[in-house]
Amino acid sequence: MNRRPLRLIHYEYFITEDDAKAREVFLKSGFGRNNLKKALKRTLLI
């Protein structure tokens, strides 16, 4: 199996599991996914 090294580019920490699940649902929605992509593009200059 040929696997290249991976680099962590985004990390979020939540105090409660409910907050984490709400964020996950948001990021998996169309608006949330686009929001994250735009943020990463500005940060990583992809």
PDB file of N, CA and C in Angstrom:
ATOM      1  N   MET A   1       0.849  -1.181   0.000  1.00  0.00           N
ATOM      2  CA  MET A   1       0.000   0.000   0.000  1.00  0.00           C
ATOM      3  C   MET A   1       0.896   1.246   0.000  1.00  0.00           C
ATOM      4  N   ASN A   2       0.702   2.113  -0.961  1.00  0.00           N
ATOM      5  CA  ASN A   2       1.515   3.318  -1.095  1.00  0.00           C
ATOM      6  C   ASN A   2       0.726   4.513  -0.572  1.00  0.00           C
ATOM      7  N   ARG A   3       1.083   4.996   0.600  1.00  0.00           N
ATOM      8  CA  ARG A   3       0.379   6.135   1.206  1.00  0.00           C
ATOM      9  C   ARG A   3       1.375   7.259   1.454  1.00  0.00           C
ATOM     10  N   ARG A   4       1.024   8.425   0.990  1.00  0.00           N
ATOM     11  CA  ARG A   4       1.903   9.572   1.193  1.00  0.00           C
ATOM     12  C   ARG A   4       1.654  10.170   2.584  1.00  0.00           C
ATOM     13  N   PRO A   5       2.586  10.913   3.113  1.00  0.00           N
ATOM     14  CA  PRO A   5       2.344  11.582   4.401  1.00  0.00           C
ATOM     15  C   PRO A   5       1.227  12.613   4.266  1.00  0.00           C
ATOM     16  N   LEU A   6       0.384  12.703   5.254  1.00  0.00           N
ATOM     17  CA  LEU A   6      -0.704  13.662   5.250  1.00  0.00           C
ATOM     18  C   LEU A   6      -0.399  14.800   6.209  1.00  0.00           C
ATOM     19  N   ARG A   7      -1.003  15.944   5.942  1.00  0.00           N
ATOM     20  CA  ARG A   7      -0.779  17.126   6.771  1.00  0.00           C
ATOM     21  C   ARG A   7      -2.137  17.629   7.257  1.00  0.00           C
ATOM     22  N   LEU A   8      -2.243  17.861   8.546  1.00  0.00           N
ATOM     23  CA  LEU A   8      -3.470  18.386   9.129  1.00  0.00           C
ATOM     24  C   LEU A   8      -3.610  19.854   8.737  1.00  0.00           C
ATOM     25  N   ILE A   9      -4.745  20.210   8.125  1.00  0.00           N
ATOM     26  CA  ILE A   9      -4.922  21.588   7.681  1.00  0.00           C
ATOM     27  C   ILE A   9      -6.074  22.296   8.377  1.00  0.00           C
ATOM     28  N   HIS A  10      -6.886  21.532   9.119  1.00  0.00           N
ATOM     29  CA  HIS A  10      -8.012  22.156   9.807  1.00  0.00           C
ATOM     30  C   HIS A  10      -8.344  21.340  11.044  1.00  0.00           C
ATOM     31  N   TYR A  11      -8.570  22.014  12.165  1.00  0.00           N
ATOM     32  CA  TYR A  11      -8.878  21.337  13.420  1.00  0.00           C
ATOM     33  C   TYR A  11      -9.831  22.203  14.220  1.00  0.00           C
ATOM     34  N   GLU A  12     -10.826  21.583  14.786  1.00  0.00           N
ATOM     35  CA  GLU A  12     -11.768  22.283  15.652  1.00  0.00           C
ATOM     36  C   GLU A  12     -11.945  21.465  16.918  1.00  0.00           C
ATOM     37  N   TYR A  13     -12.103  22.141  18.037  1.00  0.00           N
ATOM     38  CA  TYR A  13     -12.277  21.492  19.326  1.00  0.00           C
ATOM     39  C   TYR A  13     -13.576  21.980  19.953  1.00  0.00           C
ATOM     40  N   PHE A  14     -14.357  21.052  20.500  1.00  0.00           N
ATOM     41  CA  PHE A  14     -15.626  21.400  21.124  1.00  0.00           C
ATOM     42  C   PHE A  14     -15.698  20.817  22.527  1.00  0.00           C
ATOM     43  N   ILE A  15     -16.306  21.550  23.426  1.00  0.00           N
ATOM     44  CA  ILE A  15     -16.438  21.115  24.815  1.00  0.00           C
ATOM     45  C   ILE A  15     -17.487  20.012  24.933  1.00  0.00           C
ATOM     46  N   THR A  16     -18.598  20.167  24.232  1.00  0.00           N
ATOM     47  CA  THR A  16     -19.671  19.176  24.341  1.00  0.00           C
ATOM     48  C   THR A  16     -19.849  18.423  23.028  1.00  0.00           C
ATOM     49  N   GLU A  17     -20.330  17.222  23.153  1.00  0.00           N
ATOM     50  CA  GLU A  17     -20.584  16.407  21.970  1.00  0.00           C
ATOM     51  C   GLU A  17     -21.716  17.007  21.138  1.00  0.00           C
ATOM     52  N   ASP A  18     -22.687  17.624  21.797  1.00  0.00           N
ATOM     53  CA  ASP A  18     -23.796  18.256  21.071  1.00  0.00           C
ATOM     54  C   ASP A  18     -23.298  19.377  20.161  1.00  0.00           C
ATOM     55  N   ASP A  19     -22.360  20.178  20.659  1.00  0.00           N
ATOM     56  CA  ASP A  19     -21.790  21.248  19.832  1.00  0.00           C
ATOM     57  C   ASP A  19     -21.033  20.669  18.639  1.00  0.00           C
ATOM     58  N   ALA A  20     -20.287  19.608  18.880  1.00  0.00           N
ATOM     59  CA  ALA A  20     -19.524  18.979  17.803  1.00  0.00           C
ATOM     60  C   ALA A  20     -20.451  18.407  16.742  1.00  0.00           C
ATOM     61  N   LYS A  21     -21.526  17.763  17.166  1.00  0.00           N
ATOM     62  CA  LYS A  21     -22.467  17.185  16.212  1.00  0.00           C
ATOM     63  C   LYS A  21     -23.178  18.266  15.407  1.00  0.00           C
ATOM     64  N   ALA A  22     -23.512  19.373  16.051  1.00  0.00           N
ATOM     65  CA  ALA A  22     -24.160  20.477  15.344  1.00  0.00           C
ATOM     66  C   ALA A  22     -23.214  21.051  14.285  1.00  0.00           C
ATOM     67  N   ARG A  23     -21.951  21.183  14.615  1.00  0.00           N
ATOM     68  CA  ARG A  23     -20.965  21.691  13.649  1.00  0.00           C
ATOM     69  C   ARG A  23     -20.788  20.711  12.492  1.00  0.00           C
ATOM     70  N   GLU A  24     -20.768  19.418  12.803  1.00  0.00           N
ATOM     71  CA  GLU A  24     -20.640  18.403  11.762  1.00  0.00           C
ATOM     72  C   GLU A  24     -21.815  18.454  10.792  1.00  0.00           C
ATOM     73  N   VAL A  25     -23.021  18.581  11.319  1.00  0.00           N
ATOM     74  CA  VAL A  25     -24.208  18.684  10.469  1.00  0.00           C
ATOM     75  C   VAL A  25     -24.112  19.927   9.587  1.00  0.00           C
ATOM     76  N   PHE A  26     -23.674  21.043  10.172  1.00  0.00           N
ATOM     77  CA  PHE A  26     -23.515  22.279   9.398  1.00  0.00           C
ATOM     78  C   PHE A  26     -22.500  22.097   8.275  1.00  0.00           C
ATOM     79  N   LEU A  27     -21.344  21.506   8.592  1.00  0.00           N
ATOM     80  CA  LEU A  27     -20.299  21.354   7.582  1.00  0.00           C
ATOM     81  C   LEU A  27     -20.695  20.379   6.480  1.00  0.00           C
ATOM     82  N   LYS A  28     -21.574  19.449   6.781  1.00  0.00           N
ATOM     83  CA  LYS A  28     -22.029  18.496   5.771  1.00  0.00           C
ATOM     84  C   LYS A  28     -23.181  19.049   4.934  1.00  0.00           C
ATOM     85  N   SER A  29     -23.722  20.199   5.335  1.00  0.00           N
ATOM     86  CA  SER A  29     -24.757  20.843   4.524  1.00  0.00           C
ATOM     87  C   SER A  29     -24.078  21.556   3.355  1.00  0.00           C
ATOM     88  N   GLY A  30     -24.847  21.889   2.353  1.00  0.00           N
ATOM     89  CA  GLY A  30     -24.276  22.563   1.187  1.00  0.00           C
ATOM     90  C   GLY A  30     -23.631  23.886   1.544  1.00  0.00           C
ATOM     91  N   PHE A  31     -24.327  24.696   2.338  1.00  0.00           N
ATOM     92  CA  PHE A  31     -23.786  25.997   2.720  1.00  0.00           C
ATOM     93  C   PHE A  31     -22.522  25.844   3.567  1.00  0.00           C
ATOM     94  N   GLY A  32     -22.542  24.922   4.508  1.00  0.00           N
ATOM     95  CA  GLY A  32     -21.384  24.705   5.378  1.00  0.00           C
ATOM     96  C   GLY A  32     -20.172  24.215   4.614  1.00  0.00           C
ATOM     97  N   ARG A  33     -20.406  23.302   3.678  1.00  0.00           N
ATOM     98  CA  ARG A  33     -19.307  22.768   2.875  1.00  0.00           C
ATOM     99  C   ARG A  33     -18.664  23.875   2.049  1.00  0.00           C
ATOM    100  N   ASN A  34     -19.496  24.709   1.429  1.00  0.00           N
ATOM    101  CA  ASN A  34     -18.962  25.821   0.633  1.00  0.00           C
ATOM    102  C   ASN A  34     -18.231  26.827   1.504  1.00  0.00           C
ATOM    103  N   ASN A  35     -18.770  27.080   2.688  1.00  0.00           N
ATOM    104  CA  ASN A  35     -18.153  27.999   3.634  1.00  0.00           C
ATOM    105  C   ASN A  35     -16.749  27.519   4.015  1.00  0.00           C
ATOM    106  N   LEU A  36     -16.615  26.233   4.331  1.00  0.00           N
ATOM    107  CA  LEU A  36     -15.314  25.672   4.697  1.00  0.00           C
ATOM    108  C   LEU A  36     -14.348  25.711   3.524  1.00  0.00           C
ATOM    109  N   LYS A  37     -14.813  25.378   2.331  1.00  0.00           N
ATOM    110  CA  LYS A  37     -13.950  25.412   1.145  1.00  0.00           C
ATOM    111  C   LYS A  37     -13.401  26.810   0.896  1.00  0.00           C
ATOM    112  N   LYS A  38     -14.260  27.823   1.037  1.00  0.00           N
ATOM    113  CA  LYS A  38     -13.811  29.203   0.841  1.00  0.00           C
ATOM    114  C   LYS A  38     -12.767  29.597   1.878  1.00  0.00           C
ATOM    115  N   ALA A  39     -13.001  29.218   3.127  1.00  0.00           N
ATOM    116  CA  ALA A  39     -12.040  29.538   4.195  1.00  0.00           C
ATOM    117  C   ALA A  39     -10.695  28.875   3.946  1.00  0.00           C
ATOM    118  N   LEU A  40     -10.723  27.623   3.527  1.00  0.00           N
ATOM    119  CA  LEU A  40      -9.464  26.912   3.264  1.00  0.00           C
ATOM    120  C   LEU A  40      -8.757  27.480   2.042  1.00  0.00           C
ATOM    121  N   LYS A  41      -9.484  27.877   1.033  1.00  0.00           N
ATOM    122  CA  LYS A  41      -8.859  28.490  -0.140  1.00  0.00           C
ATOM    123  C   LYS A  41      -8.135  29.771   0.235  1.00  0.00           C
ATOM    124  N   ARG A  42      -8.774  30.599   1.070  1.00  0.00           N
ATOM    125  CA  ARG A  42      -8.117  31.847   1.493  1.00  0.00           C
ATOM    126  C   ARG A  42      -6.891  31.553   2.344  1.00  0.00           C
ATOM    127  N   THR A  43      -6.970  30.547   3.176  1.00  0.00           N
ATOM    128  CA  THR A  43      -5.860  30.225   4.079  1.00  0.00           C
ATOM    129  C   THR A  43      -4.707  29.545   3.359  1.00  0.00           C
ATOM    130  N   LEU A  44      -5.038  28.576   2.509  1.00  0.00           N
ATOM    131  CA  LEU A  44      -4.009  27.764   1.864  1.00  0.00           C
ATOM    132  C   LEU A  44      -3.616  28.273   0.492  1.00  0.00           C
ATOM    133  N   LEU A  45      -4.347  29.244  -0.033  1.00  0.00           N
ATOM    134  CA  LEU A  45      -4.090  29.784  -1.374  1.00  0.00           C
ATOM    135  C   LEU A  45      -4.076  28.674  -2.417  1.00  0.00           C
ATOM    136  N   ILE A  46      -5.106  27.836  -2.381  1.00  0.00           N
ATOM    137  CA  ILE A  46      -5.208  26.709  -3.330  1.00  0.00           C
ATOM    138  C   ILE A  46      -5.790  27.227  -4.630  1.00  0.00           C
TER     139      ILE A  46
END
